Protein backbone atom coordinates (compact mmCIF):
# COMPACT_ATOMS: atom_id res chain seq x y z
CA MET A 1 13.34 10.47 -15.81
CA GLU A 2 16.12 8.67 -16.39
CA TRP A 3 17.30 9.54 -12.64
CA LEU A 4 15.17 7.08 -11.82
CA ALA A 5 17.07 4.54 -13.00
CA ASN A 6 19.08 5.30 -9.75
CA PRO A 7 18.78 3.25 -7.20
CA SER A 8 19.35 5.65 -4.40
CA VAL A 9 16.85 7.46 -6.17
CA GLY A 10 14.07 4.95 -6.51
CA PHE A 11 14.33 4.49 -2.57
CA ILE A 12 13.99 8.21 -1.93
CA VAL A 13 11.07 8.00 -4.05
CA VAL A 14 9.04 4.94 -2.94
CA PHE A 15 10.32 6.65 1.00
CA LEU A 16 8.10 9.69 0.45
CA GLY A 17 6.04 8.15 -1.29
CA THR A 18 4.59 5.23 0.83
CA MET A 19 5.28 8.02 3.86
CA PHE A 20 2.72 10.55 2.60
CA LEU A 21 0.14 8.08 1.70
CA ILE A 22 0.67 5.87 4.79
CA SER A 23 -0.07 9.25 6.89
CA GLU A 24 -3.21 9.97 4.87
CA PHE A 25 -4.46 6.77 7.01
CA LEU A 26 -3.36 8.57 9.71
CA VAL A 27 -3.73 11.42 10.31
CA LYS A 28 -6.62 14.52 8.48
CA SER A 29 -4.39 15.98 6.25
CA LYS A 30 -7.37 17.71 3.90
CA SER A 31 -5.76 15.25 1.21
CA LEU A 32 -2.89 16.74 1.18
CA PHE A 33 -0.76 13.72 1.69
CA PHE A 34 -2.63 11.66 -0.28
CA ILE A 35 -1.85 13.88 -3.22
CA LEU A 36 1.72 13.81 -2.72
CA GLY A 37 1.75 10.64 -1.84
CA THR A 38 0.00 9.85 -5.60
CA ALA A 39 2.43 12.25 -6.90
CA PHE A 40 5.59 10.51 -6.24
CA MET A 41 3.96 6.52 -6.80
CA VAL A 42 2.90 7.27 -10.19
CA LEU A 43 6.00 8.67 -10.49
CA PHE A 44 8.01 5.77 -9.47
CA PHE A 45 5.36 3.64 -11.16
CA SER A 46 5.33 4.92 -14.73
CA TYR A 47 9.05 5.15 -14.96
CA HIS A 48 9.55 1.29 -13.94
CA LEU A 49 6.12 -0.04 -15.64
CA GLU A 50 5.28 -1.02 -19.07
CA GLY A 51 2.86 -3.22 -20.99
CA ALA A 52 -0.10 -5.57 -19.52
CA ALA A 53 2.36 -6.84 -16.68
CA GLY A 54 2.39 -2.72 -15.19
CA ILE A 55 -1.96 -3.42 -14.99
CA TRP A 56 -1.67 -5.97 -12.32
CA VAL A 57 1.59 -4.58 -10.63
CA LEU A 58 -0.56 -1.97 -10.11
CA VAL A 59 -3.83 -3.79 -9.27
CA LEU A 60 -1.84 -5.23 -6.87
CA TYR A 61 -0.89 -1.75 -5.24
CA ALA A 62 -4.28 -0.55 -4.82
CA ALA A 63 -5.49 -3.42 -3.92
CA GLY A 64 -3.22 -3.42 -0.47
CA LEU A 65 -3.86 -0.23 -0.01
CA GLY A 66 -7.62 -1.03 0.06
CA LEU A 67 -7.10 -3.74 2.54
CA ILE A 68 -5.54 -1.00 5.17
CA LEU A 69 -9.01 1.74 4.53
CA LEU A 70 -10.96 -1.83 4.79
CA ASP A 71 -8.91 -2.68 8.19
CA GLY A 72 -9.55 1.46 9.22
CA LYS A 73 -13.19 1.12 8.65
CA LEU A 74 -15.18 -2.06 9.23
CA ILE A 75 -12.37 -4.37 10.97
CA GLY A 76 -10.38 -3.14 12.83
CA ASP A 77 -7.91 -5.44 13.96
CA GLY A 78 -4.33 -4.98 12.49
CA THR A 79 -4.28 -7.81 10.50
CA VAL A 80 -5.87 -7.40 7.10
CA SER A 81 -3.28 -3.88 7.28
CA ILE A 82 -0.67 -6.27 7.52
CA VAL A 83 -1.33 -8.16 4.36
CA GLY A 84 -2.77 -4.97 2.34
CA LEU A 85 1.20 -3.85 3.23
CA LEU A 86 2.95 -7.24 1.43
CA LEU A 87 1.16 -6.47 -1.25
CA MET A 88 2.29 -3.06 -1.42
CA GLY A 89 5.52 -3.93 -0.75
CA VAL A 90 5.74 -7.33 -3.54
CA SER A 91 4.12 -4.78 -6.04
CA ILE A 92 7.30 -1.78 -5.80
CA ALA A 93 9.18 -4.37 -5.92
CA VAL A 94 8.71 -6.38 -9.10
CA PRO A 95 9.24 -4.34 -11.72
CA THR A 96 12.78 -2.88 -10.40
CA PRO A 97 15.96 -3.87 -12.22
CA THR A 98 17.98 -5.67 -10.49
CA ILE A 99 17.98 -6.98 -7.08
CA ILE A 100 19.46 -4.24 -5.28
CA TYR A 101 17.38 -2.07 -6.72
CA GLY A 102 14.37 -4.56 -5.33
CA VAL A 103 15.60 -4.18 -1.51
CA LEU A 104 16.65 -0.51 -1.94
CA VAL A 105 12.78 0.37 -2.35
CA ILE A 106 11.38 -2.00 -0.14
CA PHE A 107 13.55 -0.49 2.86
CA GLY A 108 12.41 3.16 1.45
CA PHE A 109 8.97 1.15 1.82
CA LEU A 110 9.50 0.69 5.22
CA ALA A 111 11.14 3.39 6.20
CA GLY A 112 7.59 5.41 4.66
CA ALA A 113 5.17 3.44 6.80
CA MET A 114 7.47 4.04 9.79
CA ALA A 115 8.19 7.61 8.90
CA ALA A 116 4.75 8.24 8.47
CA MET A 117 4.11 7.50 12.57
CA PHE A 118 5.96 11.00 13.27
CA PHE A 119 2.85 12.39 11.66
CA LEU A 120 0.34 11.16 14.83
CA LYS A 121 2.29 13.95 17.19
CA VAL A 122 1.61 17.41 14.08
CA PHE A 123 -1.54 16.31 12.72
CA PRO A 124 -5.00 15.25 14.18
CA ARG A 125 -5.64 11.84 14.51
CA ARG A 126 -7.59 10.66 12.16
CA ASP A 127 -10.44 8.44 13.74
CA LEU A 128 -9.85 5.87 11.33
CA TRP A 129 -8.10 4.15 13.39
CA SER A 130 -9.55 4.60 16.32
CA LYS A 131 -10.36 0.95 17.01
CA LEU A 132 -6.83 0.10 16.95
CA MET A 133 -5.69 3.11 19.25
CA LEU A 134 -6.74 4.40 22.61
CA LYS A 135 -8.69 7.73 21.62
CA ASP A 136 -7.91 9.74 24.56
CA SER A 137 -4.09 10.05 25.39
CA LEU A 138 -3.56 12.28 27.95
CA THR A 139 0.01 13.46 28.53
CA SER A 140 1.58 15.42 31.96
CA ASP A 141 2.48 18.33 28.99
CA LEU A 142 -1.09 18.70 28.44
CA GLY A 143 -1.75 19.07 31.75
CA TYR A 144 -3.23 15.66 32.56
CA ASN A 145 -2.27 13.39 35.77
CA SER A 146 -1.61 9.53 34.43
CA ILE A 147 -4.17 8.22 35.59
CA ASN A 148 -7.44 9.61 34.56
CA GLN A 149 -10.39 9.61 37.09
CA THR A 150 -13.04 9.14 34.80
CA TYR A 151 -11.67 5.72 33.59
CA GLY A 152 -11.12 5.01 37.23
CA GLY A 153 -14.73 4.77 37.32
CA LEU A 154 -15.26 2.64 35.11
CA VAL A 155 -14.00 -0.45 36.75
CA GLY A 156 -16.57 -2.37 37.92
CA LYS A 157 -19.26 -1.56 35.09
CA THR A 158 -20.42 -4.34 32.17
CA GLY A 159 -20.94 -2.52 28.54
CA THR A 160 -21.08 -4.76 25.18
CA THR A 161 -18.01 -4.89 22.78
CA VAL A 162 -18.90 -3.11 19.70
CA THR A 163 -15.40 -4.88 17.88
CA PRO A 164 -13.95 -7.69 18.12
CA PHE A 165 -11.17 -8.25 20.48
CA ARG A 166 -7.95 -9.47 18.52
CA PRO A 167 -7.05 -8.99 21.32
CA THR A 168 -7.99 -4.74 21.16
CA GLY A 169 -10.98 -3.52 20.03
CA THR A 170 -13.74 -0.84 21.62
CA ILE A 171 -16.34 -1.50 23.98
CA ASP A 172 -19.96 0.55 24.73
CA ILE A 173 -20.34 1.74 28.50
CA GLU A 174 -23.37 3.30 29.16
CA GLY A 175 -23.70 4.71 25.74
CA GLU A 176 -19.87 5.20 25.68
CA ARG A 177 -17.25 4.49 23.44
CA TYR A 178 -14.18 3.58 24.83
CA SER A 179 -10.31 1.86 23.35
CA ALA A 180 -9.62 -1.64 25.57
CA THR A 181 -7.89 -4.70 25.47
CA SER A 182 -9.26 -7.93 26.63
CA GLY A 183 -5.71 -9.58 27.46
CA ASP A 184 -5.17 -13.17 26.18
CA GLN A 185 -9.26 -13.48 25.34
CA TRP A 186 -10.57 -13.41 22.19
CA LEU A 187 -14.36 -11.84 22.25
CA ASN A 188 -16.78 -11.61 19.59
CA ALA A 189 -18.14 -8.12 18.34
CA ASN A 190 -21.61 -7.96 20.71
CA GLU A 191 -20.78 -9.95 23.71
CA GLU A 192 -21.50 -9.27 27.15
CA ILE A 193 -18.36 -7.46 29.13
CA GLU A 194 -16.95 -6.52 32.45
CA VAL A 195 -14.67 -3.62 33.45
CA THR A 196 -12.27 -5.81 35.61
CA SER A 197 -9.54 -3.04 35.94
CA VAL A 198 -7.95 0.56 34.12
CA ASP A 199 -4.40 1.44 34.17
CA GLY A 200 -3.70 4.94 32.69
CA THR A 201 -6.05 4.60 30.04
CA ARG A 202 -5.59 1.59 29.26
CA ILE A 203 -8.90 -0.22 30.22
CA ARG A 204 -8.72 -4.09 31.00
CA VAL A 205 -11.98 -6.32 30.71
CA LYS A 206 -13.01 -9.82 30.55
CA ARG A 207 -16.18 -11.64 29.21
CA LEU A 208 -19.38 -10.89 31.46
CA ASP A 209 -19.67 -14.74 32.54
CA SER A 210 -16.40 -15.55 33.00
CA ALA A 211 -16.17 -11.83 35.55
CA VAL A 212 -19.26 -13.29 37.25
CA LYS A 213 -17.45 -16.50 38.13
CA GLU A 214 -14.31 -15.31 39.65
CA GLN A 215 -16.24 -13.31 42.55
């Protein structure tokens, strides 16, 4: 595997590995992307890691993946995912032999993470990230108007927050869950809210006591 000594090859391997692994968190691929991403990253690390120090690099990388999964399943505000991505980036750059190689694989990592977003246009979206992304993205090419009439009927209704808002999260109104934003307000879970406006599929809410005071 001496060809992995070439920084350009390292860039390509990290790009593909990152793209497939991040895609596994975003879309439903029946674990195909996870297998491909893992294969590329195992190839990269098996060449560059050696000794006990290599184990810590792998732990750092695995911890980054774990934080992304934790954020998607439990937290949902994206902050922990950013920390996870930073840990993964550092673990990729640390074992590289030169600064140039390290910079290239970091660019490969960032490019791969961004390229993963394109899979959202092709494959079914995974529910893991429903707290961060609107579930019902209705476009004119699918036969929908830009303003969702069902969402429009939510204005003035009250409900509760299911997740914390920083400032995006999930609300429950009459047993139905929706993605929404609270603007400049940070809300906790299980707070009472009122829908103040709807712009297309963007639902804006306020803490109920704040909405009542303004009337």
